[in-house]
Each structure stands twice: as C-alpha cells, then as structure tokens.
Amino acid sequence: MSDEVKLDMSCVPYRRKRLYFALTVPFLALLILVFLYLWTFNFIFSVVFLAFYLATCYFQTYCCAYQECPYVGGFCPAIAGIMPASILTKLMYSRKKVVKSRKRFEIYATLASLSWLGLIIFPLFWIGKLGIALAAGYLAFHVAYYLIFGLTICPVCATRHTCPGGKLQSVLLRR
C-alpha cells in the first residue's frame, strides 16, 4: 500500500447504511427524474446525462483500487450513489496488480469530480425551461446533498483521509 493511503479499518463494515440510503435514494430518484425529463427533449440528452454518471463510476474505479478500498465488491458508502464503482473495481482490478501512480490517482479523482459536475451543470438549461426556481432548486439540492453527505457519511468512511469528499469534511470539521 502507498505511504500516503491511510485507511481506518474501524469503519469496516460501514455502520451508517440507513443514513446513507436516506440521503442517496432521494438523490438517485432526482437523477432518474432528470434523466426522464431530458428524454422528453431528446434521448441523446439523457444518454449524455447517463454518460456523466457512468464516467464518474468509471474514473472512481482506479481511485478505489489505488486506495485499496476495503469496500470494493461490497457495500460502499460512495457519494452520488456511485456504488457501481465498487463492483467495477472488483471486476477490473481483482485479477491484476494495480500499478499505483499518485498522478494517475489525482487525474482520475479530478475526472470523476468533473463528471459529477457534469451531472449538475448539463441539465440546468432544460430544467431552467421549467422555471429558474427549479433550476436553482436543483443546484441547491446538489449543494445540500454534498454538504450533508460530507458531514455525516464521510467522517466514518475508511477512505476519508484520501477521498476528495473526505478531505473536504475534515477541513470543514477542522480535523
């Protein structure tokens, strides 16, 4: 394991599953509603929106492997409901040794974050057609979700010291 990866194995198995699902199910429901709404304009818009989600999962897989995340292949308290990244990581990296590169980790973490940002920004124009208040509400929902998630889920996650979300919560909580 890399010197810079610090896992807190006391957080395995993850113990706040109910809270995780209470936050993540409404989040995913919103994403599904946006996906369906975009479909009413053009199915390609929905495909692009879905591609942002899948890209977030894909780029997260290397981050999981790099960190030797203990949640790989099982329940993972991943932000934005990107739990498929845990399964993909197991499929992609379980049979081969991970060549660890801090630079690649940072690039993939950035690309995963940018993909998630695409989930937020891409549909705003079309949501704005329903009303500026709804578009602002969509943005506010994402911000509130991220803050609540970061302050409640991240503090008891095994990878909180290396994950971008975990790092933010430690700054906000001054840990």
Protein backbone atom coordinates (compact mmCIF):
# COMPACT_ATOMS: atom_id res chain seq x y z
CA MET A 1 0.00 0.00 0.00
CA SER A 2 1.19 3.51 -0.72
CA ASP A 3 2.58 5.56 2.17
CA GLU A 4 0.00 8.25 1.51
CA VAL A 5 -3.03 5.97 1.75
CA LYS A 6 -4.47 5.91 5.26
CA LEU A 7 -7.37 3.55 5.84
CA ASP A 8 -9.41 3.46 9.02
CA MET A 9 -10.37 -0.18 9.23
CA SER A 10 -12.55 0.52 12.28
CA CYS A 11 -15.03 1.87 9.71
CA VAL A 12 -15.41 -1.53 8.04
CA PRO A 13 -18.12 -2.65 7.67
CA TYR A 14 -19.74 0.72 7.16
CA ARG A 15 -22.16 1.35 10.02
CA ARG A 16 -24.34 4.22 8.82
CA LYS A 17 -26.10 2.37 6.00
CA ARG A 18 -29.58 3.65 6.87
CA LEU A 19 -28.43 7.24 6.82
CA TYR A 20 -26.54 6.58 3.60
CA PHE A 21 -29.67 5.24 1.92
CA ALA A 22 -31.82 8.02 3.38
CA LEU A 23 -29.56 10.51 1.61
CA THR A 24 -28.75 8.58 -1.54
CA VAL A 25 -32.17 7.21 -2.56
CA PRO A 26 -33.73 10.70 -2.96
CA PHE A 27 -30.56 11.82 -4.75
CA LEU A 28 -30.77 8.94 -7.23
CA ALA A 29 -34.52 9.49 -7.61
CA LEU A 30 -33.80 13.07 -8.63
CA LEU A 31 -31.21 11.89 -11.15
CA ILE A 32 -33.75 9.44 -12.61
CA LEU A 33 -36.36 12.19 -12.88
CA VAL A 34 -33.88 14.46 -14.63
CA PHE A 35 -32.89 11.59 -16.96
CA LEU A 36 -36.57 11.05 -17.88
CA TYR A 37 -37.20 14.76 -18.26
CA LEU A 38 -34.22 15.16 -20.60
CA TRP A 39 -35.62 12.25 -22.64
CA THR A 40 -38.70 14.40 -23.41
CA PHE A 41 -36.43 16.78 -25.32
CA ASN A 42 -34.11 14.28 -26.96
CA PHE A 43 -32.97 10.83 -25.88
CA ILE A 44 -29.38 11.86 -26.66
CA PHE A 45 -29.56 14.37 -23.80
CA SER A 46 -30.50 11.53 -21.47
CA VAL A 47 -27.67 9.41 -22.82
CA VAL A 48 -25.18 12.25 -22.20
CA PHE A 49 -26.55 12.68 -18.67
CA LEU A 50 -26.21 8.95 -18.03
CA ALA A 51 -22.70 9.05 -19.51
CA PHE A 52 -21.69 11.61 -16.87
CA TYR A 53 -22.88 9.21 -14.15
CA LEU A 54 -21.13 6.22 -15.71
CA ALA A 55 -17.94 8.22 -16.24
CA THR A 56 -17.99 9.18 -12.57
CA CYS A 57 -18.23 5.48 -11.68
CA TYR A 58 -15.52 4.50 -14.17
CA PHE A 59 -12.97 7.08 -13.05
CA GLN A 60 -13.67 6.21 -9.43
CA THR A 61 -12.65 2.59 -10.04
CA TYR A 62 -8.95 3.39 -10.24
CA CYS A 63 -9.23 5.57 -7.15
CA CYS A 64 -10.78 2.64 -5.27
CA ALA A 65 -8.06 0.27 -6.45
CA TYR A 66 -5.29 2.76 -5.73
CA GLN A 67 -6.54 3.31 -2.18
CA GLU A 68 -7.06 -0.43 -1.67
CA CYS A 69 -10.54 0.48 -0.53
CA PRO A 70 -11.92 -2.13 1.86
CA TYR A 71 -15.42 -1.63 0.45
CA VAL A 72 -14.54 -2.95 -3.03
CA GLY A 73 -17.01 -5.56 -4.19
CA GLY A 74 -19.44 -4.96 -1.34
CA PHE A 75 -21.43 -2.15 0.21
CA CYS A 76 -19.65 1.11 -0.44
CA PRO A 77 -20.69 4.48 1.04
CA ALA A 78 -19.85 6.23 -2.23
CA ILE A 79 -21.07 9.76 -2.81
CA ALA A 80 -23.68 10.38 -5.50
CA GLY A 81 -24.73 6.74 -5.45
CA ILE A 82 -21.73 5.63 -7.48
CA MET A 83 -21.72 2.24 -5.77
CA PRO A 84 -21.32 0.55 -9.18
CA ALA A 85 -17.71 1.78 -8.97
CA SER A 86 -17.13 -0.72 -6.16
CA ILE A 87 -18.33 -3.61 -8.32
CA LEU A 88 -16.46 -2.34 -11.39
CA THR A 89 -13.28 -2.06 -9.36
CA LYS A 90 -13.57 -5.68 -8.33
CA LEU A 91 -14.19 -6.73 -11.95
CA MET A 92 -11.41 -4.61 -13.41
CA TYR A 93 -8.65 -4.91 -10.82
CA SER A 94 -9.17 -8.09 -8.78
CA ARG A 95 -7.13 -10.27 -11.10
CA LYS A 96 -4.25 -7.96 -11.79
CA LYS A 97 -1.84 -5.95 -9.73
CA VAL A 98 -2.66 -2.27 -9.64
CA VAL A 99 0.19 -0.11 -10.85
CA LYS A 100 -0.07 2.75 -8.39
CA SER A 101 0.56 6.22 -9.62
CA ARG A 102 -0.22 9.25 -7.46
CA LYS A 103 -0.51 11.36 -10.62
CA ARG A 104 -2.97 8.93 -12.22
CA PHE A 105 -4.96 8.84 -8.97
CA GLU A 106 -5.21 12.64 -8.94
CA ILE A 107 -6.18 12.73 -12.62
CA TYR A 108 -8.87 10.08 -12.18
CA ALA A 109 -10.19 11.70 -8.99
CA THR A 110 -10.39 15.01 -10.87
CA LEU A 111 -12.12 13.39 -13.86
CA ALA A 112 -14.60 11.66 -11.53
CA SER A 113 -15.33 15.00 -9.86
CA LEU A 114 -15.72 16.76 -13.21
CA SER A 115 -18.07 14.03 -14.41
CA TRP A 116 -20.17 14.54 -11.30
CA LEU A 117 -20.10 18.28 -12.00
CA GLY A 118 -21.45 17.41 -15.46
CA LEU A 119 -24.44 15.74 -13.77
CA ILE A 120 -25.08 19.03 -12.06
CA ILE A 121 -24.48 21.52 -14.86
CA PHE A 122 -25.52 19.67 -18.03
CA PRO A 123 -29.30 19.57 -17.35
CA LEU A 124 -29.59 23.10 -15.94
CA PHE A 125 -30.63 24.67 -19.25
CA TRP A 126 -33.53 22.25 -19.70
CA ILE A 127 -34.56 22.36 -16.05
CA GLY A 128 -34.48 26.15 -16.41
CA LYS A 129 -37.20 25.82 -19.07
CA LEU A 130 -39.49 24.64 -16.26
CA GLY A 131 -38.55 27.69 -14.23
CA ILE A 132 -35.50 29.40 -12.83
CA ALA A 133 -36.60 28.43 -9.32
CA LEU A 134 -36.49 24.73 -10.26
CA ALA A 135 -33.02 25.10 -11.77
CA ALA A 136 -31.86 26.91 -8.63
CA GLY A 137 -33.53 24.21 -6.53
CA TYR A 138 -31.70 21.52 -8.47
CA LEU A 139 -28.40 23.26 -7.76
CA ALA A 140 -29.33 23.80 -4.11
CA PHE A 141 -30.27 20.13 -3.77
CA HIS A 142 -26.82 19.09 -5.01
CA VAL A 143 -25.06 21.51 -2.67
CA ALA A 144 -27.18 20.43 0.31
CA TYR A 145 -26.68 16.76 -0.53
CA TYR A 146 -22.91 17.18 -0.80
CA LEU A 147 -22.65 19.11 2.48
CA ILE A 148 -24.92 16.76 4.44
CA PHE A 149 -23.22 13.71 2.94
CA GLY A 150 -19.77 15.10 3.66
CA LEU A 151 -20.62 15.95 7.24
CA THR A 152 -22.48 12.73 8.12
CA ILE A 153 -21.26 9.89 5.89
CA CYS A 154 -17.63 10.81 5.21
CA PRO A 155 -16.48 11.11 8.85
CA VAL A 156 -16.92 7.36 9.37
CA CYS A 157 -15.64 6.15 6.00
CA ALA A 158 -12.41 4.15 5.80
CA THR A 159 -11.01 6.27 2.93
CA ARG A 160 -11.90 9.71 4.30
CA HIS A 161 -8.23 10.77 4.51
CA THR A 162 -7.60 10.34 0.77
CA CYS A 163 -11.02 10.87 -0.82
CA PRO A 164 -11.74 14.42 -2.03
CA GLY A 165 -15.06 14.42 -0.17
CA GLY A 166 -13.42 13.13 2.98
CA LYS A 167 -10.73 15.76 2.78
CA LEU A 168 -13.36 18.49 2.46
CA GLN A 169 -15.26 17.27 5.51
CA SER A 170 -12.07 17.20 7.55
CA VAL A 171 -11.39 20.81 6.55
CA LEU A 172 -14.97 21.83 7.40
CA LEU A 173 -14.86 19.96 10.72
CA ARG A 174 -11.23 21.09 11.32
CA ARG A 175 -9.92 17.56 11.93
